[in-house]
């Protein structure tokens, strides 16, 4: 079984709550690059990610994507539109093959009515996202592109990193393969600025990059640069 992200929606449920949830939906599989939700569409279903990782993003008027976040196993997706009955505020696309438990909006609401404690879990999750959004606005004003790239690499290393032993000793390999365009959309910078930031971090010896791969050799240095 795929390990759930600590603190994720599914990880916070009791066994009874999870069993009830699973009885109301069905499992769907998705290929890499497949869109689960489209920005602006009606919220007719919600998903709970069982394996794989996805990105939430909004399309900019001038073109390109603004990446709002990366979600891992255990995440609840599409719940806002199911609750407030407004069009979806973001799109969700898989970054790798994924499996998800799918429920209709009606079944999801019935589940919340039968399990009131779960509504508080969702409120806690939404508050956390609002805090992250506030922190992101502060970061955008305080840090240059290199600082913001360092912040996202720290987050990715902490959430999706695995130990890596190489010539530089104990390092962390980020297992999530983001393109430079996706990273640029996440930090609110151009691809050229992100490429320059990665070169700077490589020159310091803090990271090593390959084709859609990043190895962090000095996580503490990245953390210091991201403060």
Protein backbone atom coordinates (compact mmCIF):
# COMPACT_ATOMS: atom_id res chain seq x y z
CA UNK A 1 0.00 0.00 0.00
CA UNK A 2 1.27 3.49 -0.85
CA UNK A 3 2.28 5.50 2.21
CA UNK A 4 0.00 8.46 2.90
CA UNK A 5 1.43 11.92 3.42
CA UNK A 6 1.45 12.72 7.16
CA UNK A 7 -1.39 15.08 8.01
CA UNK A 8 -3.24 14.40 4.77
CA UNK A 9 -7.01 14.04 4.70
CA UNK A 10 -7.03 10.25 4.48
CA UNK A 11 -4.35 9.93 7.16
CA UNK A 12 -6.53 11.91 9.59
CA UNK A 13 -9.57 9.62 9.26
CA UNK A 14 -10.40 6.87 11.73
CA UNK A 15 -10.66 3.32 10.34
CA UNK A 16 -14.46 3.54 10.54
CA UNK A 17 -14.54 6.89 8.73
CA UNK A 18 -12.27 5.55 6.02
CA UNK A 19 -14.33 2.40 5.55
CA UNK A 20 -17.50 4.47 5.19
CA UNK A 21 -15.77 6.77 2.68
CA UNK A 22 -14.52 3.89 0.56
CA UNK A 23 -17.99 2.29 0.50
CA UNK A 24 -19.44 5.41 -1.15
CA UNK A 25 -17.01 5.70 -4.07
CA UNK A 26 -14.99 3.81 -6.63
CA UNK A 27 -11.31 3.72 -7.53
CA UNK A 28 -10.16 5.34 -10.78
CA UNK A 29 -6.70 5.22 -12.35
CA UNK A 30 -5.02 8.07 -14.22
CA UNK A 31 -1.98 8.26 -16.49
CA UNK A 32 0.74 10.88 -16.09
CA UNK A 33 -0.40 14.23 -17.44
CA UNK A 34 -4.10 13.42 -17.18
CA UNK A 35 -6.43 16.18 -15.96
CA UNK A 36 -8.80 15.30 -13.11
CA UNK A 37 -10.48 18.70 -12.84
CA UNK A 38 -10.66 21.69 -15.17
CA UNK A 39 -10.72 25.23 -13.84
CA UNK A 40 -14.18 26.78 -14.30
CA UNK A 41 -16.15 23.54 -14.57
CA UNK A 42 -18.91 22.48 -12.18
CA UNK A 43 -17.83 20.42 -9.18
CA UNK A 44 -19.73 17.20 -9.83
CA UNK A 45 -17.26 14.90 -8.06
CA UNK A 46 -14.41 14.86 -5.57
CA UNK A 47 -11.34 12.68 -5.37
CA UNK A 48 -9.14 11.28 -2.62
CA UNK A 49 -5.65 10.55 -3.92
CA UNK A 50 -4.58 6.99 -3.09
CA UNK A 51 -1.26 6.94 -4.95
CA UNK A 52 0.76 9.24 -7.17
CA UNK A 53 1.09 13.02 -7.04
CA UNK A 54 -0.77 15.85 -8.71
CA UNK A 55 -0.42 19.58 -9.19
CA UNK A 56 -3.14 22.18 -8.72
CA UNK A 57 -2.79 25.12 -11.08
CA UNK A 58 -4.55 28.08 -12.59
CA UNK A 59 -4.09 29.26 -16.17
CA UNK A 60 -2.76 32.80 -16.50
CA UNK A 61 -4.51 35.22 -18.85
CA UNK A 62 -1.20 35.98 -20.56
CA UNK A 63 -0.46 32.27 -20.92
CA UNK A 64 1.31 29.69 -18.82
CA UNK A 65 0.40 28.11 -15.51
CA UNK A 66 0.47 29.39 -11.95
CA UNK A 67 1.12 26.27 -9.88
CA UNK A 68 -0.81 26.53 -6.62
CA UNK A 69 0.54 23.43 -4.95
CA UNK A 70 1.54 19.79 -5.19
CA UNK A 71 -0.60 17.13 -3.50
CA UNK A 72 0.43 13.63 -2.53
CA UNK A 73 -1.25 10.38 -1.44
CA UNK A 74 -4.09 10.94 1.01
CA UNK A 75 -5.03 14.38 -0.31
CA UNK A 76 -8.64 15.43 -0.78
CA UNK A 77 -9.19 17.09 -4.17
CA UNK A 78 -12.10 19.13 -5.51
CA UNK A 79 -13.87 19.54 -2.19
CA UNK A 80 -14.22 23.34 -2.34
CA UNK A 81 -16.46 23.33 -5.42
CA UNK A 82 -18.46 20.48 -3.91
CA UNK A 83 -19.07 22.52 -0.76
CA UNK A 84 -19.65 26.06 -2.06
CA UNK A 85 -21.35 24.96 -5.33
CA UNK A 86 -19.28 27.42 -7.39
CA UNK A 87 -17.16 26.56 -10.46
CA UNK A 88 -13.77 25.03 -9.79
CA UNK A 89 -11.12 27.64 -9.00
CA UNK A 90 -8.20 25.53 -10.26
CA UNK A 91 -7.29 22.61 -12.48
CA UNK A 92 -5.68 19.42 -11.19
CA UNK A 93 -3.32 17.30 -13.30
CA UNK A 94 -1.31 14.20 -12.48
CA UNK A 95 2.48 14.47 -12.32
CA UNK A 96 2.80 10.67 -12.48
CA UNK A 97 0.46 7.68 -12.77
CA UNK A 98 -2.11 7.90 -9.99
CA UNK A 99 -5.07 6.20 -8.36
CA UNK A 100 -7.90 8.02 -6.65
CA UNK A 101 -11.13 7.24 -4.86
CA UNK A 102 -13.90 9.10 -6.71
CA UNK A 103 -17.20 10.19 -5.14
CA UNK A 104 -20.04 12.19 -6.60
CA UNK A 105 -20.70 15.52 -4.92
CA UNK A 106 -23.98 14.17 -3.54
CA UNK A 107 -22.27 11.12 -2.02
CA UNK A 108 -19.53 13.32 -0.56
CA UNK A 109 -22.04 15.62 1.11
CA UNK A 110 -23.94 12.62 2.45
CA UNK A 111 -20.67 11.30 3.85
CA UNK A 112 -19.99 14.59 5.66
CA UNK A 113 -23.51 14.59 7.09
CA UNK A 114 -22.98 11.06 8.45
CA UNK A 115 -19.49 11.86 9.79
CA UNK A 116 -19.55 15.37 11.31
CA UNK A 117 -15.97 15.14 12.66
CA UNK A 118 -14.67 14.97 9.09
CA UNK A 119 -15.97 18.49 8.41
CA UNK A 120 -13.59 19.81 11.08
CA UNK A 121 -10.71 17.96 9.41
CA UNK A 122 -11.56 19.72 6.15
CA UNK A 123 -11.81 23.11 7.87
CA UNK A 124 -8.37 22.56 9.38
CA UNK A 125 -6.97 21.67 5.94
CA UNK A 126 -8.49 24.76 4.33
CA UNK A 127 -7.08 26.99 7.08
CA UNK A 128 -3.66 25.50 6.45
CA UNK A 129 -3.94 26.28 2.72
CA UNK A 130 -4.98 29.87 3.48
CA UNK A 131 -1.95 30.26 5.73
CA UNK A 132 0.28 28.83 2.99
CA UNK A 133 -1.21 31.29 0.50
CA UNK A 134 -0.55 34.19 2.88
CA UNK A 135 3.01 32.99 3.41
CA UNK A 136 3.47 32.71 -0.35
CA UNK A 137 2.46 36.34 -0.85
CA UNK A 138 4.94 37.40 1.82
CA UNK A 139 7.68 35.28 0.22
CA UNK A 140 7.05 36.81 -3.19
CA UNK A 141 7.66 40.27 -1.79
CA UNK A 142 10.66 39.35 0.37
CA UNK A 143 12.70 36.96 -1.79
CA UNK A 144 14.14 36.98 -5.27
CA UNK A 145 13.71 34.06 -7.66
CA UNK A 146 16.69 32.19 -6.20
CA UNK A 147 15.27 32.45 -2.69
CA UNK A 148 11.85 31.26 -3.82
CA UNK A 149 13.36 28.34 -5.74
CA UNK A 150 15.35 27.40 -2.63
CA UNK A 151 12.13 27.45 -0.59
CA UNK A 152 10.33 25.13 -2.98
CA UNK A 153 13.30 22.75 -3.13
CA UNK A 154 13.35 22.60 0.66
CA UNK A 155 9.63 21.76 0.66
CA UNK A 156 10.06 19.11 -2.02
CA UNK A 157 13.04 17.56 -0.22
CA UNK A 158 11.14 17.41 3.06
CA UNK A 159 7.96 16.00 1.54
CA UNK A 160 9.23 13.85 -1.32
CA UNK A 161 12.91 13.30 -0.59
CA UNK A 162 14.69 9.97 -0.11
CA UNK A 163 18.22 9.40 1.20
CA UNK A 164 20.87 9.44 -1.48
CA UNK A 165 24.50 8.49 -0.91
CA UNK A 166 26.94 9.83 -3.47
CA UNK A 167 30.41 11.29 -3.70
CA UNK A 168 29.31 14.24 -1.54
CA UNK A 169 28.15 12.02 1.30
CA UNK A 170 24.60 11.87 2.60
CA UNK A 171 22.21 13.77 0.34
CA UNK A 172 18.50 13.84 -0.47
CA UNK A 173 17.05 12.96 -3.85
CA UNK A 174 13.73 14.59 -4.70
CA UNK A 175 11.53 11.86 -6.15
CA UNK A 176 9.03 14.25 -7.73
CA UNK A 177 10.00 15.14 -11.29
CA UNK A 178 8.94 18.71 -12.02
CA UNK A 179 9.88 20.48 -15.24
CA UNK A 180 11.55 23.88 -15.04
CA UNK A 181 8.33 25.36 -16.45
CA UNK A 182 6.33 23.82 -13.60
CA UNK A 183 8.83 25.02 -11.02
CA UNK A 184 8.70 28.49 -12.58
CA UNK A 185 4.91 28.48 -12.36
CA UNK A 186 5.15 27.51 -8.70
CA UNK A 187 7.58 30.24 -7.66
CA UNK A 188 6.06 32.96 -9.85
CA UNK A 189 9.11 33.52 -12.05
CA UNK A 190 10.11 33.02 -15.66
CA UNK A 191 11.74 29.80 -16.83
CA UNK A 192 14.91 31.78 -17.52
CA UNK A 193 14.97 33.12 -13.95
CA UNK A 194 14.49 29.61 -12.53
CA UNK A 195 17.27 28.26 -14.76
CA UNK A 196 19.58 31.00 -13.47
CA UNK A 197 18.58 30.27 -9.87
CA UNK A 198 19.34 26.56 -10.29
CA UNK A 199 22.74 27.42 -11.75
CA UNK A 200 23.46 29.60 -8.72
CA UNK A 201 22.49 26.83 -6.30
CA UNK A 202 24.58 24.31 -8.26
CA UNK A 203 27.57 26.64 -8.21
CA UNK A 204 27.37 26.75 -4.40
CA UNK A 205 27.41 22.96 -4.39
CA UNK A 206 24.04 22.75 -2.62
CA UNK A 207 22.20 20.85 -5.36
CA UNK A 208 22.86 18.68 -8.38
CA UNK A 209 20.42 18.60 -11.29
CA UNK A 210 19.84 16.22 -14.15
CA UNK A 211 17.04 15.74 -16.63
CA UNK A 212 13.96 16.35 -14.46
CA UNK A 213 15.84 15.29 -11.32
CA UNK A 214 17.28 17.15 -8.34
CA UNK A 215 19.63 15.92 -5.62
CA UNK A 216 20.03 18.19 -2.60
CA UNK A 217 23.54 17.95 -1.14
CA UNK A 218 23.18 20.66 1.53
CA UNK A 219 19.62 20.98 2.80
CA UNK A 220 20.64 23.21 5.70
CA UNK A 221 22.24 25.71 3.33
CA UNK A 222 19.08 25.78 1.25
CA UNK A 223 17.02 26.37 4.39
CA UNK A 224 19.25 29.27 5.41
CA UNK A 225 18.98 30.81 1.93
CA UNK A 226 15.19 30.40 2.02
CA UNK A 227 14.77 32.38 5.25
